[in-house]
C-alpha atoms as a PDB file:
ATOM      1  CA  MET A   1     -32.742  -3.085 -44.647  1.00  0.00           C
ATOM      2  CA  HIS A   2     -34.279  -6.392 -44.965  1.00  0.00           C
ATOM      3  CA  ILE A   3     -37.677  -7.407 -43.271  1.00  0.00           C
ATOM      4  CA  ARG A   4     -36.057 -10.023 -41.143  1.00  0.00           C
ATOM      5  CA  ASN A   5     -33.388  -7.493 -39.911  1.00  0.00           C
ATOM      6  CA  LEU A   6     -35.825  -5.143 -39.095  1.00  0.00           C
ATOM      7  CA  ILE A   7     -37.862  -7.574 -36.865  1.00  0.00           C
ATOM      8  CA  ARG A   8     -34.879  -7.908 -35.171  1.00  0.00           C
ATOM      9  CA  GLU A   9     -34.388  -4.359 -34.667  1.00  0.00           C
ATOM     10  CA  TRP A  10     -37.953  -4.091 -33.244  1.00  0.00           C
ATOM     11  CA  GLU A  11     -36.690  -5.925 -30.361  1.00  0.00           C
ATOM     12  CA  ARG A  12     -34.345  -2.960 -29.262  1.00  0.00           C
ATOM     13  CA  ALA A  13     -35.173   0.596 -29.159  1.00  0.00           C
ATOM     14  CA  GLY A  14     -33.790   2.561 -31.369  1.00  0.00           C
ATOM     15  CA  VAL A  15     -33.965   6.119 -32.426  1.00  0.00           C
ATOM     16  CA  ARG A  16     -34.281   8.003 -36.008  1.00  0.00           C
ATOM     17  CA  THR A  17     -33.780  11.312 -37.002  1.00  0.00           C
ATOM     18  CA  LEU A  18     -37.613  12.213 -38.888  1.00  0.00           C
ATOM     19  CA  THR A  19     -38.635  14.533 -40.557  1.00  0.00           C
ATOM     20  CA  VAL A  20     -41.097  17.525 -40.118  1.00  0.00           C
ATOM     21  CA  GLU A  21     -43.098  16.331 -43.261  1.00  0.00           C
ATOM     22  CA  SER A  22     -46.018  13.414 -42.593  1.00  0.00           C
ATOM     23  CA  CYS A  23     -48.356  11.656 -44.711  1.00  0.00           C
ATOM     24  CA  CYS A  24     -51.853  10.217 -43.963  1.00  0.00           C
ATOM     25  CA  VAL A  25     -53.004   6.903 -45.164  1.00  0.00           C
ATOM     26  CA  GLN A  26     -55.854   5.056 -45.730  1.00  0.00           C
ATOM     27  CA  LEU A  27     -54.924   1.322 -44.902  1.00  0.00           C
ATOM     28  CA  PRO A  28     -56.545  -1.782 -46.611  1.00  0.00           C
ATOM     29  CA  LEU A  29     -58.447  -3.736 -44.062  1.00  0.00           C
ATOM     30  CA  HIS A  30     -56.215  -6.747 -43.991  1.00  0.00           C
ATOM     31  CA  ASP A  31     -52.996  -4.373 -43.508  1.00  0.00           C
ATOM     32  CA  ALA A  32     -54.542  -2.744 -40.883  1.00  0.00           C
ATOM     33  CA  ALA A  33     -54.935  -6.022 -39.030  1.00  0.00           C
ATOM     34  CA  ARG A  34     -51.891  -7.053 -39.828  1.00  0.00           C
ATOM     35  CA  LEU A  35     -50.411  -3.620 -38.314  1.00  0.00           C
ATOM     36  CA  ALA A  36     -52.520  -3.910 -35.190  1.00  0.00           C
ATOM     37  CA  ALA A  37     -51.474  -7.462 -34.643  1.00  0.00           C
ATOM     38  CA  LEU A  38     -47.563  -6.013 -35.070  1.00  0.00           C
ATOM     39  CA  ALA A  39     -48.368  -3.434 -32.491  1.00  0.00           C
ATOM     40  CA  GLU A  40     -49.717  -6.244 -30.105  1.00  0.00           C
ATOM     41  CA  MET A  41     -46.807  -8.116 -30.730  1.00  0.00           C
ATOM     42  CA  TYR A  42     -44.433  -5.200 -30.027  1.00  0.00           C
ATOM     43  CA  PRO A  43     -45.937  -2.935 -27.712  1.00  0.00           C
ATOM     44  CA  LEU A  44     -42.684  -0.535 -27.271  1.00  0.00           C
ATOM     45  CA  LYS A  45     -42.987   0.401 -30.886  1.00  0.00           C
ATOM     46  CA  SER A  46     -45.885   2.849 -31.891  1.00  0.00           C
ATOM     47  CA  ARG A  47     -48.019   2.089 -34.707  1.00  0.00           C
ATOM     48  CA  ALA A  48     -46.137   5.046 -36.500  1.00  0.00           C
ATOM     49  CA  GLU A  49     -42.857   4.027 -35.436  1.00  0.00           C
ATOM     50  CA  LEU A  50     -43.845   0.008 -37.422  1.00  0.00           C
ATOM     51  CA  ILE A  51     -44.982   2.043 -40.304  1.00  0.00           C
ATOM     52  CA  THR A  52     -42.319   4.254 -40.735  1.00  0.00           C
ATOM     53  CA  GLU A  53     -39.766   0.971 -40.583  1.00  0.00           C
ATOM     54  CA  LEU A  54     -41.586  -1.274 -42.785  1.00  0.00           C
ATOM     55  CA  LEU A  55     -41.838   1.748 -45.176  1.00  0.00           C
ATOM     56  CA  SER A  56     -37.873   2.006 -45.089  1.00  0.00           C
ATOM     57  CA  ALA A  57     -37.348  -1.147 -45.334  1.00  0.00           C
ATOM     58  CA  ALA A  58     -39.734  -1.684 -48.191  1.00  0.00           C
ATOM     59  CA  LEU A  59     -38.030   1.495 -49.767  1.00  0.00           C
ATOM     60  CA  ASP A  60     -34.400  -0.420 -49.722  1.00  0.00           C
ATOM     61  CA  GLN A  61     -35.959  -3.190 -51.251  1.00  0.00           C
ATOM     62  CA  VAL A  62     -37.515  -1.477 -54.184  1.00  0.00           C
ATOM     63  CA  GLU A  63     -33.804   0.088 -54.355  1.00  0.00           C
ATOM     64  CA  ALA A  64     -32.052  -2.834 -54.278  1.00  0.00           C
ATOM     65  CA  ALA A  65     -34.813  -4.221 -57.676  1.00  0.00           C
ATOM     66  CA  PHE A  66     -33.961  -1.864 -60.083  1.00  0.00           C
ATOM     67  CA  PRO A  67     -32.274  -3.873 -62.586  1.00  0.00           C
ATOM     68  CA  TYR A  68     -28.633  -2.649 -63.442  1.00  0.00           C
ATOM     69  CA  VAL A  69     -28.528  -1.517 -66.887  1.00  0.00           C
ATOM     70  CA  GLN A  70     -24.910  -1.386 -68.279  1.00  0.00           C
ATOM     71  CA  GLY A  71     -23.800   2.148 -69.545  1.00  0.00           C
ATOM     72  CA  SER A  72     -21.091   3.137 -72.225  1.00  0.00           C
ATOM     73  CA  ARG A  73     -18.735   4.532 -69.794  1.00  0.00           C
ATOM     74  CA  VAL A  74     -16.140   2.088 -67.677  1.00  0.00           C
ATOM     75  CA  ILE A  75     -16.085   3.712 -64.115  1.00  0.00           C
ATOM     76  CA  ALA A  76     -13.852   0.932 -62.554  1.00  0.00           C
ATOM     77  CA  GLU A  77     -11.500  -2.312 -63.260  1.00  0.00           C
ATOM     78  CA  ASP A  78     -12.309  -5.203 -61.530  1.00  0.00           C
ATOM     79  CA  GLU A  79      -9.726  -7.604 -59.612  1.00  0.00           C
ATOM     80  CA  GLN A  80      -9.059  -9.324 -63.090  1.00  0.00           C
ATOM     81  CA  GLY A  81      -8.833  -6.277 -65.035  1.00  0.00           C
ATOM     82  CA  ASP A  82     -12.090  -6.410 -66.651  1.00  0.00           C
ATOM     83  CA  PRO A  83     -14.022  -3.127 -67.388  1.00  0.00           C
ATOM     84  CA  MET A  84     -16.543  -2.141 -64.960  1.00  0.00           C
ATOM     85  CA  TYR A  85     -19.301   0.218 -66.650  1.00  0.00           C
ATOM     86  CA  GLU A  86     -21.572   2.443 -65.285  1.00  0.00           C
ATOM     87  CA  ASP A  87     -25.452   1.485 -64.179  1.00  0.00           C
ATOM     88  CA  ALA A  88     -27.463   3.365 -66.712  1.00  0.00           C
ATOM     89  CA  GLY A  89     -30.537   2.178 -65.016  1.00  0.00           C
ATOM     90  CA  LEU A  90     -33.087   3.567 -62.533  1.00  0.00           C
ATOM     91  CA  THR A  91     -31.124   3.436 -60.093  1.00  0.00           C
ATOM     92  CA  PRO A  92     -28.558   6.234 -60.244  1.00  0.00           C
ATOM     93  CA  LEU A  93     -31.894   8.537 -61.227  1.00  0.00           C
ATOM     94  CA  PHE A  94     -33.162   7.318 -57.685  1.00  0.00           C
ATOM     95  CA  LEU A  95     -29.830   7.730 -55.837  1.00  0.00           C
ATOM     96  CA  ARG A  96     -29.877  11.409 -57.368  1.00  0.00           C
ATOM     97  CA  LEU A  97     -33.325  12.408 -56.673  1.00  0.00           C
ATOM     98  CA  THR A  98     -33.065  10.917 -53.154  1.00  0.00           C
ATOM     99  CA  LYS A  99     -29.572  13.101 -52.397  1.00  0.00           C
ATOM    100  CA  ARG A 100     -31.848  16.370 -53.721  1.00  0.00           C
ATOM    101  CA  HIS A 101     -34.988  15.605 -51.781  1.00  0.00           C
ATOM    102  CA  ALA A 102     -33.066  14.814 -48.464  1.00  0.00           C
ATOM    103  CA  ALA A 103     -31.354  18.411 -48.769  1.00  0.00           C
ATOM    104  CA  ARG A 104     -34.699  19.899 -49.138  1.00  0.00           C
ATOM    105  CA  LEU A 105     -35.789  18.013 -46.239  1.00  0.00           C
ATOM    106  CA  ALA A 106     -33.252  18.429 -43.933  1.00  0.00           C
ATOM    107  CA  GLU A 107     -33.016  22.256 -45.124  1.00  0.00           C
ATOM    108  CA  GLU A 108     -36.708  22.078 -43.921  1.00  0.00           C
ATOM    109  CA  SER A 109     -36.420  20.613 -41.289  1.00  0.00           C
ATOM    110  CA  ALA A 110     -33.790  23.186 -39.919  1.00  0.00           C
ATOM    111  CA  GLN A 111     -35.634  25.744 -41.072  1.00  0.00           C
ATOM    112  CA  GLN A 112     -38.584  24.556 -38.758  1.00  0.00           C
ATOM    113  CA  LYS A 113     -36.260  24.063 -35.611  1.00  0.00           C
ATOM    114  CA  ASP A 114     -34.896  27.733 -36.350  1.00  0.00           C
ATOM    115  CA  GLY A 115     -38.457  29.088 -36.027  1.00  0.00           C
ATOM    116  CA  ALA A 116     -39.439  27.077 -33.185  1.00  0.00           C
END
């Protein structure tokens, strides 16, 4: 999600599926001040929600910023019949690792619910 879209989302209330995993970070002073400003501007959002959504938007942009590296395998043809090659860059690795960790986190979440 692009940051501009995120700001629009903050205008509406939304619910996301969260993991049981949490992370505690110390923010640089300037970032903590900017987060406090956002929390004041969007009082229906908790600081944790703001951080979660900002991190999600940043991760989307990191994924989009990985450069395409043309692989050797043709995976499709475009509308003109020209070959389209697999991406041999970081994106496929990132997506595979993301999928693996998503499955692990979902399983841990399900186990937590079953145990509760």
